[in-house]
N, C-alpha and C. Protein backbone atom coordinates (compact mmCIF):
# COMPACT_ATOMS: atom_id res chain seq x y z
N UNK A 1 -24.61 0.40 16.47
CA UNK A 1 -23.86 1.54 16.99
C UNK A 1 -22.62 1.38 15.33
N UNK A 2 -22.33 -0.34 15.09
CA UNK A 2 -21.40 -0.40 13.98
C UNK A 2 -21.52 0.18 12.45
N UNK A 3 -23.12 0.30 12.66
CA UNK A 3 -23.80 0.58 11.10
C UNK A 3 -23.63 2.03 11.14
N UNK A 4 -23.53 2.78 12.25
CA UNK A 4 -23.57 4.28 11.74
C UNK A 4 -22.07 4.90 11.77
N UNK A 5 -21.35 3.91 12.61
CA UNK A 5 -19.76 4.14 12.60
C UNK A 5 -19.07 3.79 10.89
N UNK A 6 -19.82 2.79 10.43
CA UNK A 6 -19.26 2.38 8.94
C UNK A 6 -20.01 3.49 8.22
N UNK A 7 -21.07 3.85 8.45
CA UNK A 7 -21.38 4.90 7.21
C UNK A 7 -20.87 6.37 7.33
N UNK A 8 -20.48 6.70 8.46
CA UNK A 8 -19.78 7.88 8.86
C UNK A 8 -18.23 7.42 8.14
N UNK A 9 -17.83 6.85 8.79
CA UNK A 9 -16.61 6.33 7.96
C UNK A 9 -16.55 6.40 6.08
N UNK A 10 -17.34 5.91 5.87
CA UNK A 10 -17.57 5.58 4.16
C UNK A 10 -17.60 7.11 3.72
N UNK A 11 -18.42 7.75 4.54
CA UNK A 11 -19.04 9.34 3.93
C UNK A 11 -17.76 10.27 3.98
N UNK A 12 -16.58 9.87 5.12
CA UNK A 12 -16.11 10.94 5.35
C UNK A 12 -14.78 10.55 4.36
N UNK A 13 -14.06 9.27 3.57
CA UNK A 13 -13.60 8.83 2.72
C UNK A 13 -14.36 9.10 1.54
N UNK A 14 -15.32 9.17 1.39
CA UNK A 14 -16.17 9.48 -0.08
C UNK A 14 -15.63 10.84 -0.30
N UNK A 15 -15.54 12.03 0.44
CA UNK A 15 -15.47 13.19 0.78
C UNK A 15 -14.18 13.38 0.46
N UNK A 16 -13.34 12.61 1.26
CA UNK A 16 -11.67 13.11 1.30
C UNK A 16 -10.93 12.96 -0.02
N UNK A 17 -11.84 11.67 -0.74
CA UNK A 17 -11.30 11.12 -2.11
C UNK A 17 -11.68 12.19 -3.32
N UNK A 18 -12.78 12.75 -2.59
CA UNK A 18 -13.75 13.59 -3.68
C UNK A 18 -12.82 15.06 -3.90
N UNK A 19 -12.05 15.41 -2.94
CA UNK A 19 -11.74 16.63 -2.90
C UNK A 19 -10.77 16.91 -4.05
N UNK A 20 -9.85 15.99 -4.31
CA UNK A 20 -8.80 16.47 -5.22
C UNK A 20 -9.64 16.47 -6.54
N UNK A 21 -10.20 15.71 -6.69
CA UNK A 21 -11.06 15.59 -8.56
C UNK A 21 -11.78 16.88 -8.37
N UNK A 22 -12.26 17.66 -7.20
CA UNK A 22 -13.11 18.74 -7.71
C UNK A 22 -11.96 20.02 -7.44
N UNK A 23 -11.05 19.66 -6.64
CA UNK A 23 -10.35 20.64 -7.03
C UNK A 23 -9.70 21.01 -8.34
N UNK A 24 -9.11 19.94 -9.03
CA UNK A 24 -8.69 19.60 -10.23
C UNK A 24 -9.25 20.51 -11.69
N UNK A 25 -10.76 20.35 -11.14
CA UNK A 25 -11.68 21.11 -11.89
C UNK A 25 -11.08 22.63 -12.74
N UNK A 26 -10.56 23.41 -11.21
CA UNK A 26 -10.16 24.88 -11.53
C UNK A 26 -8.83 24.95 -12.28
N UNK A 27 -8.10 23.97 -11.88
CA UNK A 27 -6.81 23.83 -12.24
C UNK A 27 -6.80 23.96 -14.12
N UNK A 28 -7.53 22.71 -14.54
CA UNK A 28 -7.75 22.63 -15.89
C UNK A 28 -8.62 23.49 -16.62
N UNK A 29 -9.74 24.01 -15.77
CA UNK A 29 -10.02 25.51 -16.43
C UNK A 29 -9.08 26.62 -16.89
N UNK A 30 -8.16 26.83 -15.97
CA UNK A 30 -7.29 27.61 -16.11
C UNK A 30 -6.20 27.23 -17.40
N UNK A 31 -5.73 26.36 -17.28
CA UNK A 31 -4.93 25.52 -17.75
C UNK A 31 -5.30 26.04 -19.60
N UNK A 32 -6.93 25.50 -20.05
CA UNK A 32 -7.72 25.74 -21.09
C UNK A 32 -7.70 26.83 -21.65
N UNK A 33 -7.64 27.92 -20.53
CA UNK A 33 -7.81 29.32 -20.68
C UNK A 33 -6.43 29.70 -21.39
N UNK A 34 -5.57 29.32 -20.56
CA UNK A 34 -3.99 29.66 -20.85
C UNK A 34 -3.76 29.30 -22.48
N UNK A 35 -3.92 27.97 -22.81
CA UNK A 35 -3.78 27.66 -24.05
C UNK A 35 -4.46 28.33 -25.26
N UNK A 36 -5.70 28.80 -24.62
CA UNK A 36 -6.50 29.52 -25.42
C UNK A 36 -6.08 30.74 -25.90
N UNK A 37 -5.34 31.75 -25.07
CA UNK A 37 -5.12 32.87 -25.38
C UNK A 37 -3.76 32.92 -25.99
N UNK A 38 -2.91 31.39 -25.78
CA UNK A 38 -1.69 31.23 -26.50
C UNK A 38 -2.01 31.26 -27.98
N UNK A 39 -2.88 30.54 -27.95
CA UNK A 39 -3.14 30.32 -29.98
C UNK A 39 -3.95 31.52 -30.10
N UNK A 40 -4.58 32.07 -29.33
CA UNK A 40 -4.99 33.44 -29.88
C UNK A 40 -3.65 34.95 -30.36
N UNK A 41 -2.97 34.61 -29.35
CA UNK A 41 -1.83 35.04 -29.77
C UNK A 41 -0.72 35.17 -31.16
N UNK A 42 -0.81 33.21 -31.32
CA UNK A 42 -0.26 32.75 -32.43
C UNK A 42 -0.77 33.39 -33.51
N UNK A 43 -2.10 32.96 -33.57
CA UNK A 43 -2.86 33.61 -34.56
C UNK A 43 -2.88 35.02 -35.05
N UNK A 44 -2.75 36.03 -33.79
CA UNK A 44 -2.62 37.44 -34.16
C UNK A 44 -1.32 37.31 -34.87
N UNK A 45 -0.52 36.78 -34.50
CA UNK A 45 0.74 37.10 -34.64
C UNK A 45 1.05 36.88 -36.23
N UNK A 46 0.60 35.63 -36.63
CA UNK A 46 0.49 34.90 -38.02
C UNK A 46 -0.24 36.24 -38.94
N UNK A 47 -1.49 36.75 -38.72
CA UNK A 47 -2.24 37.29 -39.42
C UNK A 47 -1.44 38.85 -39.85
N UNK A 48 -0.34 39.18 -38.59
CA UNK A 48 0.32 40.49 -38.80
C UNK A 48 1.34 40.28 -39.94
N UNK A 49 2.22 39.37 -39.37
CA UNK A 49 3.04 38.78 -40.45
C UNK A 49 3.15 37.69 -41.69
N UNK A 50 1.58 37.79 -42.54
CA UNK A 50 0.74 37.24 -43.54
C UNK A 50 1.35 38.12 -44.83
N UNK A 51 1.51 37.82 -45.20
CA UNK A 51 1.99 38.54 -46.72
C UNK A 51 0.94 39.53 -47.38
């Protein structure tokens, strides 16, 4: 009984600790897209105003 409870507790702690890391992936990907779009806008503006 003790072994089963320990495994269940460790599994639950592992899942709970992994949840923020997995949700951060989407946030990081979104930030990367925003930075990329900003860079493209700056490059487009620079090309437009180049002599």
